C-alpha atoms as a PDB file:
ATOM      1  CA  MET A   1      44.335 -29.988 -22.493  1.00  0.00           C
ATOM      2  CA  ARG A   2      45.117 -26.471 -21.316  1.00  0.00           C
ATOM      3  CA  GLY A   3      42.065 -24.276 -20.956  1.00  0.00           C
ATOM      4  CA  LEU A   4      39.967 -27.061 -19.415  1.00  0.00           C
ATOM      5  CA  GLU A   5      41.581 -26.978 -15.980  1.00  0.00           C
ATOM      6  CA  GLU A   6      39.546 -25.839 -12.982  1.00  0.00           C
ATOM      7  CA  ASN A   7      42.512 -24.807 -10.870  1.00  0.00           C
ATOM      8  CA  ARG A   8      46.303 -24.809 -10.852  1.00  0.00           C
ATOM      9  CA  ILE A   9      48.225 -26.659  -8.162  1.00  0.00           C
ATOM     10  CA  ASP A  10      51.362 -25.003  -6.785  1.00  0.00           C
ATOM     11  CA  GLY A  11      52.485 -27.685  -4.359  1.00  0.00           C
ATOM     12  CA  ALA A  12      51.527 -30.166  -1.677  1.00  0.00           C
ATOM     13  CA  ARG A  13      51.537 -30.429   2.088  1.00  0.00           C
ATOM     14  CA  ILE A  14      52.126 -34.009   3.234  1.00  0.00           C
ATOM     15  CA  HIS A  15      51.016 -34.921   6.750  1.00  0.00           C
ATOM     16  CA  ALA A  16      51.816 -37.971   8.893  1.00  0.00           C
ATOM     17  CA  GLY A  17      51.039 -37.849  12.595  1.00  0.00           C
ATOM     18  CA  ASP A  18      52.502 -34.615  13.990  1.00  0.00           C
ATOM     19  CA  ILE A  19      54.931 -34.199  11.082  1.00  0.00           C
ATOM     20  CA  SER A  20      54.254 -32.211   7.910  1.00  0.00           C
ATOM     21  CA  ILE A  21      56.434 -31.321   4.944  1.00  0.00           C
ATOM     22  CA  THR A  22      55.733 -28.895   2.107  1.00  0.00           C
ATOM     23  CA  VAL A  23      56.699 -29.339  -1.537  1.00  0.00           C
ATOM     24  CA  GLU A  24      56.338 -26.183  -3.624  1.00  0.00           C
ATOM     25  CA  ARG A  25      56.413 -25.606  -7.354  1.00  0.00           C
ATOM     26  CA  LYS A  26      54.333 -23.173  -9.374  1.00  0.00           C
ATOM     27  CA  GLU A  27      51.779 -24.875 -11.617  1.00  0.00           C
ATOM     28  CA  VAL A  28      53.163 -28.356 -10.903  1.00  0.00           C
ATOM     29  CA  ALA A  29      49.739 -29.823 -11.722  1.00  0.00           C
ATOM     30  CA  TYR A  30      46.179 -28.910 -12.610  1.00  0.00           C
ATOM     31  CA  ALA A  31      42.800 -29.959 -11.256  1.00  0.00           C
ATOM     32  CA  PHE A  32      40.310 -31.160 -13.888  1.00  0.00           C
ATOM     33  CA  ASP A  33      36.649 -32.048 -13.876  1.00  0.00           C
ATOM     34  CA  ARG A  34      36.855 -35.556 -15.355  1.00  0.00           C
ATOM     35  CA  LYS A  35      33.458 -35.284 -17.062  1.00  0.00           C
ATOM     36  CA  VAL A  36      34.515 -32.068 -18.813  1.00  0.00           C
ATOM     37  CA  LEU A  37      37.817 -33.647 -19.860  1.00  0.00           C
ATOM     38  CA  ASP A  38      36.104 -36.789 -21.183  1.00  0.00           C
ATOM     39  CA  ALA A  39      33.581 -34.688 -23.127  1.00  0.00           C
ATOM     40  CA  ALA A  40      36.389 -32.655 -24.716  1.00  0.00           C
ATOM     41  CA  LEU A  41      38.254 -35.826 -25.736  1.00  0.00           C
ATOM     42  CA  ALA A  42      35.054 -37.331 -27.162  1.00  0.00           C
ATOM     43  CA  GLU A  43      34.454 -34.149 -29.170  1.00  0.00           C
ATOM     44  CA  ARG A  44      37.975 -34.326 -30.591  1.00  0.00           C
ATOM     45  CA  ALA A  45      37.477 -37.972 -31.502  1.00  0.00           C
ATOM     46  CA  GLU A  46      34.209 -37.248 -33.296  1.00  0.00           C
ATOM     47  CA  SER A  47      35.727 -34.308 -35.174  1.00  0.00           C
ATOM     48  CA  ALA A  48      38.474 -36.704 -36.359  1.00  0.00           C
ATOM     49  CA  GLY A  49      35.871 -39.130 -37.724  1.00  0.00           C
ATOM     50  CA  ALA A  50      35.105 -41.437 -34.814  1.00  0.00           C
ATOM     51  CA  ARG A  51      31.540 -42.609 -34.287  1.00  0.00           C
ATOM     52  CA  ILE A  52      30.504 -42.861 -30.646  1.00  0.00           C
ATOM     53  CA  LEU A  53      27.574 -45.108 -29.774  1.00  0.00           C
ATOM     54  CA  PHE A  54      25.908 -44.560 -26.407  1.00  0.00           C
ATOM     55  CA  GLY A  55      23.972 -47.153 -24.433  1.00  0.00           C
ATOM     56  CA  ARG A  56      25.892 -50.074 -25.954  1.00  0.00           C
ATOM     57  CA  ARG A  57      28.511 -52.425 -24.533  1.00  0.00           C
ATOM     58  CA  TRP A  58      30.952 -54.706 -26.277  1.00  0.00           C
ATOM     59  CA  SER A  59      29.692 -58.273 -25.926  1.00  0.00           C
ATOM     60  CA  GLY A  60      32.260 -60.310 -27.815  1.00  0.00           C
ATOM     61  CA  GLU A  61      31.796 -59.053 -31.377  1.00  0.00           C
ATOM     62  CA  ARG A  62      34.763 -59.532 -33.691  1.00  0.00           C
ATOM     63  CA  ALA A  63      36.659 -56.506 -34.980  1.00  0.00           C
ATOM     64  CA  ASP A  64      39.674 -55.804 -37.150  1.00  0.00           C
ATOM     65  CA  ILE A  65      41.233 -54.045 -34.158  1.00  0.00           C
ATOM     66  CA  LEU A  66      39.785 -54.229 -30.644  1.00  0.00           C
ATOM     67  CA  ILE A  67      40.921 -51.740 -28.008  1.00  0.00           C
ATOM     68  CA  GLY A  68      40.057 -52.396 -24.388  1.00  0.00           C
ATOM     69  CA  ALA A  69      39.807 -48.883 -22.962  1.00  0.00           C
ATOM     70  CA  ASP A  70      36.852 -49.894 -20.811  1.00  0.00           C
ATOM     71  CA  GLY A  71      38.248 -49.187 -17.362  1.00  0.00           C
ATOM     72  CA  PHE A  72      38.870 -51.179 -14.226  1.00  0.00           C
ATOM     73  CA  SER A  73      36.134 -53.751 -14.872  1.00  0.00           C
ATOM     74  CA  SER A  74      37.202 -54.244 -18.496  1.00  0.00           C
ATOM     75  CA  SER A  75      35.165 -56.865 -20.343  1.00  0.00           C
ATOM     76  CA  VAL A  76      37.817 -56.896 -23.073  1.00  0.00           C
ATOM     77  CA  ARG A  77      40.496 -57.790 -20.518  1.00  0.00           C
ATOM     78  CA  SER A  78      38.238 -60.494 -19.055  1.00  0.00           C
ATOM     79  CA  SER A  79      37.748 -61.984 -22.530  1.00  0.00           C
ATOM     80  CA  LEU A  80      41.524 -62.483 -22.693  1.00  0.00           C
ATOM     81  CA  GLY A  81      41.466 -64.488 -19.456  1.00  0.00           C
ATOM     82  CA  ILE A  82      43.328 -61.807 -17.501  1.00  0.00           C
ATOM     83  CA  PRO A  83      42.210 -61.561 -13.853  1.00  0.00           C
ATOM     84  CA  THR A  84      40.881 -58.399 -12.235  1.00  0.00           C
ATOM     85  CA  PRO A  85      43.784 -56.369 -10.775  1.00  0.00           C
ATOM     86  CA  ARG A  86      44.279 -55.639  -7.097  1.00  0.00           C
ATOM     87  CA  TYR A  87      42.615 -52.376  -6.174  1.00  0.00           C
ATOM     88  CA  VAL A  88      41.820 -49.834  -3.517  1.00  0.00           C
ATOM     89  CA  MET A  89      38.325 -48.427  -3.175  1.00  0.00           C
ATOM     90  CA  GLY A  90      38.385 -44.674  -3.578  1.00  0.00           C
ATOM     91  CA  ALA A  91      35.657 -42.240  -2.550  1.00  0.00           C
ATOM     92  CA  ILE A  92      35.408 -38.501  -3.199  1.00  0.00           C
ATOM     93  CA  GLY A  93      33.122 -35.604  -2.403  1.00  0.00           C
ATOM     94  CA  PHE A  94      33.085 -31.816  -2.416  1.00  0.00           C
ATOM     95  CA  VAL A  95      33.504 -29.464   0.544  1.00  0.00           C
ATOM     96  CA  TRP A  96      33.270 -25.683   0.880  1.00  0.00           C
ATOM     97  CA  GLY A  97      35.614 -23.210   2.550  1.00  0.00           C
ATOM     98  CA  ASP A  98      38.635 -21.028   1.812  1.00  0.00           C
ATOM     99  CA  PHE A  99      41.406 -22.860  -0.060  1.00  0.00           C
ATOM    100  CA  ASP A 100      44.821 -21.996  -1.438  1.00  0.00           C
ATOM    101  CA  SER A 101      46.487 -23.712  -4.420  1.00  0.00           C
ATOM    102  CA  TYR A 102      48.086 -26.546  -2.421  1.00  0.00           C
ATOM    103  CA  VAL A 103      47.004 -30.167  -2.179  1.00  0.00           C
ATOM    104  CA  ASP A 104      46.936 -31.689   1.308  1.00  0.00           C
ATOM    105  CA  VAL A 105      47.889 -35.371   1.567  1.00  0.00           C
ATOM    106  CA  TYR A 106      47.286 -37.380   4.751  1.00  0.00           C
ATOM    107  CA  LEU A 107      49.266 -40.579   5.346  1.00  0.00           C
ATOM    108  CA  ASP A 108      47.184 -42.121   8.112  1.00  0.00           C
ATOM    109  CA  ARG A 109      46.423 -45.845   8.278  1.00  0.00           C
ATOM    110  CA  ASP A 110      43.609 -45.248  10.756  1.00  0.00           C
ATOM    111  CA  VAL A 111      41.855 -43.016   8.215  1.00  0.00           C
ATOM    112  CA  ALA A 112      42.827 -44.692   4.940  1.00  0.00           C
ATOM    113  CA  PRO A 113      44.307 -48.195   5.419  1.00  0.00           C
ATOM    114  CA  GLY A 114      46.253 -49.261   2.342  1.00  0.00           C
ATOM    115  CA  PHE A 115      46.262 -45.839   0.702  1.00  0.00           C
ATOM    116  CA  PHE A 116      45.917 -42.176   1.796  1.00  0.00           C
ATOM    117  CA  ALA A 117      43.477 -39.277   2.106  1.00  0.00           C
ATOM    118  CA  TRP A 118      43.558 -35.926   0.311  1.00  0.00           C
ATOM    119  CA  VAL A 119      42.092 -32.475  -0.169  1.00  0.00           C
ATOM    120  CA  ILE A 120      42.463 -30.970  -3.655  1.00  0.00           C
ATOM    121  CA  PRO A 121      41.377 -27.333  -4.208  1.00  0.00           C
ATOM    122  CA  ARG A 122      39.089 -27.080  -7.239  1.00  0.00           C
ATOM    123  CA  SER A 123      38.707 -23.316  -6.744  1.00  0.00           C
ATOM    124  CA  GLU A 124      39.186 -20.737  -3.980  1.00  0.00           C
ATOM    125  CA  ASN A 125      35.931 -21.900  -2.366  1.00  0.00           C
ATOM    126  CA  VAL A 126      35.465 -25.565  -3.344  1.00  0.00           C
ATOM    127  CA  ALA A 127      37.726 -28.569  -2.785  1.00  0.00           C
ATOM    128  CA  GLU A 128      37.622 -32.250  -3.555  1.00  0.00           C
ATOM    129  CA  VAL A 129      38.087 -34.384  -0.459  1.00  0.00           C
ATOM    130  CA  GLY A 130      38.765 -38.078  -0.844  1.00  0.00           C
ATOM    131  CA  LEU A 131      40.457 -41.175   0.414  1.00  0.00           C
ATOM    132  CA  GLY A 132      41.220 -44.738  -0.617  1.00  0.00           C
ATOM    133  CA  VAL A 133      41.124 -47.942   1.384  1.00  0.00           C
ATOM    134  CA  ASP A 134      42.275 -51.476   0.686  1.00  0.00           C
ATOM    135  CA  ALA A 135      39.747 -54.054  -0.499  1.00  0.00           C
ATOM    136  CA  LEU A 136      39.221 -55.419   3.031  1.00  0.00           C
ATOM    137  CA  HIS A 137      37.780 -52.055   4.091  1.00  0.00           C
ATOM    138  CA  SER A 138      35.922 -51.190   0.868  1.00  0.00           C
ATOM    139  CA  SER A 139      32.479 -51.394   2.491  1.00  0.00           C
ATOM    140  CA  GLU A 140      33.558 -48.686   4.957  1.00  0.00           C
ATOM    141  CA  VAL A 141      34.928 -46.185   2.465  1.00  0.00           C
ATOM    142  CA  LEU A 142      32.004 -43.731   2.372  1.00  0.00           C
ATOM    143  CA  GLU A 143      31.634 -43.623   6.140  1.00  0.00           C
ATOM    144  CA  ARG A 144      35.401 -43.197   6.529  1.00  0.00           C
ATOM    145  CA  LEU A 145      35.223 -40.235   4.132  1.00  0.00           C
ATOM    146  CA  ARG A 146      32.401 -38.658   6.149  1.00  0.00           C
ATOM    147  CA  VAL A 147      34.401 -39.057   9.369  1.00  0.00           C
ATOM    148  CA  PHE A 148      37.538 -37.655   7.728  1.00  0.00           C
ATOM    149  CA  ALA A 149      35.682 -34.576   6.407  1.00  0.00           C
ATOM    150  CA  ARG A 150      34.209 -33.906   9.860  1.00  0.00           C
ATOM    151  CA  ARG A 151      37.661 -34.298  11.415  1.00  0.00           C
ATOM    152  CA  LEU A 152      38.943 -31.536   9.108  1.00  0.00           C
ATOM    153  CA  GLY A 153      36.077 -29.283  10.191  1.00  0.00           C
ATOM    154  CA  PHE A 154      33.919 -29.398   7.073  1.00  0.00           C
ATOM    155  CA  GLU A 155      30.263 -29.197   8.012  1.00  0.00           C
ATOM    156  CA  ARG A 156      28.954 -29.992   4.532  1.00  0.00           C
ATOM    157  CA  LEU A 157      30.114 -32.898   2.366  1.00  0.00           C
ATOM    158  CA  ASP A 158      28.511 -33.662  -1.001  1.00  0.00           C
ATOM    159  CA  LEU A 159      29.437 -37.262  -1.773  1.00  0.00           C
ATOM    160  CA  LEU A 160      30.113 -38.178  -5.408  1.00  0.00           C
ATOM    161  CA  GLY A 161      30.449 -41.910  -4.760  1.00  0.00           C
ATOM    162  CA  ALA A 162      33.127 -44.578  -4.789  1.00  0.00           C
ATOM    163  CA  ARG A 163      34.975 -46.585  -7.400  1.00  0.00           C
ATOM    164  CA  PRO A 164      37.823 -49.114  -7.522  1.00  0.00           C
ATOM    165  CA  ILE A 165      41.292 -47.838  -8.448  1.00  0.00           C
ATOM    166  CA  PRO A 166      43.830 -50.387  -9.764  1.00  0.00           C
ATOM    167  CA  VAL A 167      47.058 -50.368  -7.747  1.00  0.00           C
ATOM    168  CA  ASP A 168      48.429 -53.717  -8.882  1.00  0.00           C
ATOM    169  CA  ARG A 169      51.784 -54.555 -10.399  1.00  0.00           C
ATOM    170  CA  PRO A 170      51.662 -53.149 -13.959  1.00  0.00           C
ATOM    171  CA  ARG A 171      51.067 -55.619 -16.747  1.00  0.00           C
ATOM    172  CA  THR A 172      54.033 -56.382 -18.981  1.00  0.00           C
ATOM    173  CA  ARG A 173      51.827 -57.263 -21.945  1.00  0.00           C
ATOM    174  CA  VAL A 174      49.239 -54.932 -23.492  1.00  0.00           C
ATOM    175  CA  VAL A 175      49.013 -56.281 -27.060  1.00  0.00           C
ATOM    176  CA  PHE A 176      47.324 -59.625 -27.770  1.00  0.00           C
ATOM    177  CA  GLY A 177      47.289 -60.120 -31.518  1.00  0.00           C
ATOM    178  CA  ARG A 178      44.887 -57.449 -32.727  1.00  0.00           C
ATOM    179  CA  THR A 179      43.460 -56.777 -29.284  1.00  0.00           C
ATOM    180  CA  MET A 180      45.083 -54.119 -27.123  1.00  0.00           C
ATOM    181  CA  LEU A 181      44.543 -52.784 -23.621  1.00  0.00           C
ATOM    182  CA  VAL A 182      45.007 -49.185 -22.517  1.00  0.00           C
ATOM    183  CA  GLY A 183      44.378 -47.074 -19.417  1.00  0.00           C
ATOM    184  CA  ASP A 184      42.832 -48.600 -16.310  1.00  0.00           C
ATOM    185  CA  ALA A 185      42.073 -51.780 -18.268  1.00  0.00           C
ATOM    186  CA  ALA A 186      45.846 -52.216 -18.714  1.00  0.00           C
ATOM    187  CA  VAL A 187      46.663 -51.130 -15.123  1.00  0.00           C
ATOM    188  CA  GLN A 188      48.387 -48.033 -16.523  1.00  0.00           C
ATOM    189  CA  THR A 189      47.787 -46.177 -13.266  1.00  0.00           C
ATOM    190  CA  LYS A 190      50.236 -44.876 -10.671  1.00  0.00           C
ATOM    191  CA  ALA A 191      49.939 -47.170  -7.656  1.00  0.00           C
ATOM    192  CA  THR A 192      51.306 -44.367  -5.471  1.00  0.00           C
ATOM    193  CA  THR A 193      48.446 -41.943  -6.127  1.00  0.00           C
ATOM    194  CA  GLY A 194      45.891 -43.840  -8.209  1.00  0.00           C
ATOM    195  CA  GLY A 195      46.254 -41.248 -10.973  1.00  0.00           C
ATOM    196  CA  GLY A 196      45.724 -42.586 -14.457  1.00  0.00           C
ATOM    197  CA  ILE A 197      45.217 -39.610 -16.748  1.00  0.00           C
ATOM    198  CA  SER A 198      48.847 -38.827 -17.599  1.00  0.00           C
ATOM    199  CA  TYR A 199      49.954 -42.384 -18.384  1.00  0.00           C
ATOM    200  CA  GLY A 200      46.614 -43.239 -19.975  1.00  0.00           C
ATOM    201  CA  LEU A 201      46.976 -40.335 -22.417  1.00  0.00           C
ATOM    202  CA  LEU A 202      50.627 -41.215 -23.110  1.00  0.00           C
ATOM    203  CA  ALA A 203      49.653 -44.819 -23.805  1.00  0.00           C
ATOM    204  CA  ALA A 204      46.729 -43.784 -25.993  1.00  0.00           C
ATOM    205  CA  ASP A 205      49.042 -41.561 -28.044  1.00  0.00           C
ATOM    206  CA  GLY A 206      51.513 -44.434 -28.486  1.00  0.00           C
ATOM    207  CA  LEU A 207      48.676 -46.799 -29.403  1.00  0.00           C
ATOM    208  CA  ALA A 208      47.328 -44.362 -32.013  1.00  0.00           C
ATOM    209  CA  ASP A 209      50.779 -44.074 -33.583  1.00  0.00           C
ATOM    210  CA  ALA A 210      51.064 -47.873 -33.708  1.00  0.00           C
ATOM    211  CA  ILE A 211      47.693 -48.245 -35.428  1.00  0.00           C
ATOM    212  CA  ILE A 212      48.480 -45.517 -37.957  1.00  0.00           C
ATOM    213  CA  SER A 213      51.854 -47.083 -38.753  1.00  0.00           C
ATOM    214  CA  GLY A 214      50.340 -50.554 -39.115  1.00  0.00           C
ATOM    215  CA  ASP A 215      52.816 -51.940 -36.569  1.00  0.00           C
ATOM    216  CA  LEU A 216      50.619 -52.804 -33.586  1.00  0.00           C
ATOM    217  CA  TYR A 217      53.543 -54.163 -31.603  1.00  0.00           C
ATOM    218  CA  ALA A 218      55.105 -50.704 -31.633  1.00  0.00           C
ATOM    219  CA  TYR A 219      52.611 -49.967 -28.866  1.00  0.00           C
ATOM    220  CA  GLN A 220      53.852 -52.989 -26.903  1.00  0.00           C
ATOM    221  CA  ARG A 221      57.453 -51.823 -27.306  1.00  0.00           C
ATOM    222  CA  PHE A 222      56.565 -48.297 -26.175  1.00  0.00           C
ATOM    223  CA  HIS A 223      54.695 -49.619 -23.155  1.00  0.00           C
ATOM    224  CA  HIS A 224      57.508 -51.975 -22.198  1.00  0.00           C
ATOM    225  CA  SER A 225      60.343 -49.478 -22.639  1.00  0.00           C
ATOM    226  CA  TYR A 226      58.772 -46.336 -21.201  1.00  0.00           C
ATOM    227  CA  ILE A 227      55.478 -46.833 -19.357  1.00  0.00           C
ATOM    228  CA  PHE A 228      56.044 -50.186 -17.635  1.00  0.00           C
ATOM    229  CA  PRO A 229      59.348 -49.376 -15.834  1.00  0.00           C
ATOM    230  CA  ARG A 230      57.937 -46.138 -14.406  1.00  0.00           C
ATOM    231  CA  LEU A 231      54.690 -47.731 -13.287  1.00  0.00           C
ATOM    232  CA  PHE A 232      56.679 -50.621 -11.820  1.00  0.00           C
ATOM    233  CA  LEU A 233      58.578 -48.145  -9.620  1.00  0.00           C
ATOM    234  CA  HIS A 234      55.265 -46.577  -8.587  1.00  0.00           C
ATOM    235  CA  TRP A 235      54.063 -50.049  -7.608  1.00  0.00           C
ATOM    236  CA  LEU A 236      57.224 -50.724  -5.590  1.00  0.00           C
ATOM    237  CA  ALA A 237      56.769 -47.357  -3.895  1.00  0.00           C
ATOM    238  CA  ARG A 238      53.175 -48.236  -2.992  1.00  0.00           C
ATOM    239  CA  GLU A 239      54.271 -51.572  -1.525  1.00  0.00           C
ATOM    240  CA  TYR A 240      56.882 -49.666   0.491  1.00  0.00           C
ATOM    241  CA  LEU A 241      54.459 -46.959   1.669  1.00  0.00           C
ATOM    242  CA  ASN A 242      51.995 -49.592   2.855  1.00  0.00           C
ATOM    243  CA  ARG A 243      54.665 -51.049   5.161  1.00  0.00           C
ATOM    244  CA  VAL A 244      56.754 -48.122   6.363  1.00  0.00           C
ATOM    245  CA  ASP A 245      55.993 -45.816   9.297  1.00  0.00           C
ATOM    246  CA  SER A 246      54.948 -42.622   7.494  1.00  0.00           C
ATOM    247  CA  GLU A 247      56.028 -40.353  10.338  1.00  0.00           C
ATOM    248  CA  GLN A 248      59.531 -41.864  10.297  1.00  0.00           C
ATOM    249  CA  LEU A 249      59.667 -41.365   6.536  1.00  0.00           C
ATOM    250  CA  LEU A 250      58.788 -37.663   6.739  1.00  0.00           C
ATOM    251  CA  ASN A 251      61.292 -37.230   9.558  1.00  0.00           C
ATOM    252  CA  LEU A 252      63.922 -38.713   7.247  1.00  0.00           C
ATOM    253  CA  VAL A 253      62.989 -36.217   4.522  1.00  0.00           C
ATOM    254  CA  ARG A 254      63.576 -33.454   7.064  1.00  0.00           C
ATOM    255  CA  GLU A 255      66.824 -35.025   8.273  1.00  0.00           C
ATOM    256  CA  TYR A 256      68.219 -34.906   4.738  1.00  0.00           C
ATOM    257  CA  ASP A 257      66.735 -31.426   4.190  1.00  0.00           C
ATOM    258  CA  LEU A 258      64.988 -32.605   1.028  1.00  0.00           C
ATOM    259  CA  GLU A 259      61.888 -30.394   0.957  1.00  0.00           C
ATOM    260  CA  LYS A 260      63.598 -27.828  -1.291  1.00  0.00           C
ATOM    261  CA  GLU A 261      65.136 -30.564  -3.438  1.00  0.00           C
ATOM    262  CA  LEU A 262      61.743 -32.247  -3.862  1.00  0.00           C
ATOM    263  CA  SER A 263      60.307 -28.866  -4.814  1.00  0.00           C
ATOM    264  CA  ARG A 264      63.052 -28.408  -7.400  1.00  0.00           C
ATOM    265  CA  SER A 265      63.384 -31.839  -9.000  1.00  0.00           C
ATOM    266  CA  GLY A 266      60.662 -34.120  -7.619  1.00  0.00           C
ATOM    267  CA  ASP A 267      58.336 -35.572 -10.237  1.00  0.00           C
ATOM    268  CA  MET A 268      55.064 -37.182  -9.171  1.00  0.00           C
ATOM    269  CA  ASP A 269      54.769 -38.907 -12.560  1.00  0.00           C
ATOM    270  CA  ASP A 270      58.325 -40.168 -13.054  1.00  0.00           C
ATOM    271  CA  PRO A 271      59.859 -41.719  -9.888  1.00  0.00           C
ATOM    272  CA  PHE A 272      63.288 -42.222 -11.482  1.00  0.00           C
ATOM    273  CA  PHE A 273      64.369 -38.939  -9.867  1.00  0.00           C
ATOM    274  CA  LEU A 274      64.769 -40.880  -6.594  1.00  0.00           C
ATOM    275  CA  PHE A 275      67.810 -42.619  -8.096  1.00  0.00           C
ATOM    276  CA  SER A 276      69.666 -39.388  -8.831  1.00  0.00           C
ATOM    277  CA  PRO A 277      72.832 -38.696  -6.779  1.00  0.00           C
ATOM    278  CA  ARG A 278      70.993 -36.033  -4.748  1.00  0.00           C
ATOM    279  CA  PHE A 279      68.535 -38.625  -3.431  1.00  0.00           C
ATOM    280  CA  PHE A 280      70.764 -41.694  -3.247  1.00  0.00           C
ATOM    281  CA  ALA A 281      71.516 -41.568   0.499  1.00  0.00           C
ATOM    282  CA  PHE A 282      67.881 -40.845   1.331  1.00  0.00           C
ATOM    283  CA  THR A 283      66.645 -43.679  -0.893  1.00  0.00           C
ATOM    284  CA  PHE A 284      69.065 -46.106   0.752  1.00  0.00           C
ATOM    285  CA  ARG A 285      68.171 -44.981   4.293  1.00  0.00           C
ATOM    286  CA  SER A 286      64.430 -45.017   3.585  1.00  0.00           C
ATOM    287  CA  ALA A 287      64.682 -48.638   2.412  1.00  0.00           C
ATOM    288  CA  ALA A 288      66.398 -49.449   5.712  1.00  0.00           C
ATOM    289  CA  LEU A 289      63.274 -48.289   7.591  1.00  0.00           C
ATOM    290  CA  LEU A 290      61.687 -51.606   6.660  1.00  0.00           C
ATOM    291  CA  ILE A 291      64.422 -53.679   8.302  1.00  0.00           C
END
């Protein structure tokens, strides 16, 4: 969806206690306004012949093919008897200042228990500030965001609200006869970051191909062979990050001199890079931090 981005991202600064590391790569990611992206996708769907009905919800009607793309609180998923996934409550707002093209990530359990906090530049003068907290602290998420923004020195914070982000173990099954789940409804989100756009779009593309081919289980095979194993590693990484001392972890990155290597070959979507020979010793040592 090039041309819709608000800003390019050239790297990230990751902070834990008094330790910070920097990962750099030109145009490693882009910042999008989700409403603009959704509107562009809806326009493409309508131009391809889809009919979009507003102000209506699915309430159990039968269909030749039913796709549950209805988000975290999916009624389609509930109709299949699948429980609501584990989640963190995320909150975001906008702040004003002077920003470069780097994301700042804060690994601080006192600020964001069960997740992390972030600042994402949307332009040179506007940034998105946000954080996520585990379900036990969900009622505190907006106040925690206000405190975090003040701690960073932002005098003005325009809150956009809060929403649950699935961070559960990914589902192995996404096809149920002629009913299929995709996106947040299928827990196709990265438990490390909460991001769901990249895998949601990949899954939607695979689902479309399966419908066109008439082989609906081709979507299940694609999910199981490609999407599930990567999201499973993201989930394992989230379980690890929730238990490890973040400052010790960043110190270990420095000990192995991995900032340049992460800049060169790190992939925030595909965690399999951690099993390459360059990262093997670090991966083994980082697991030992839990012992």
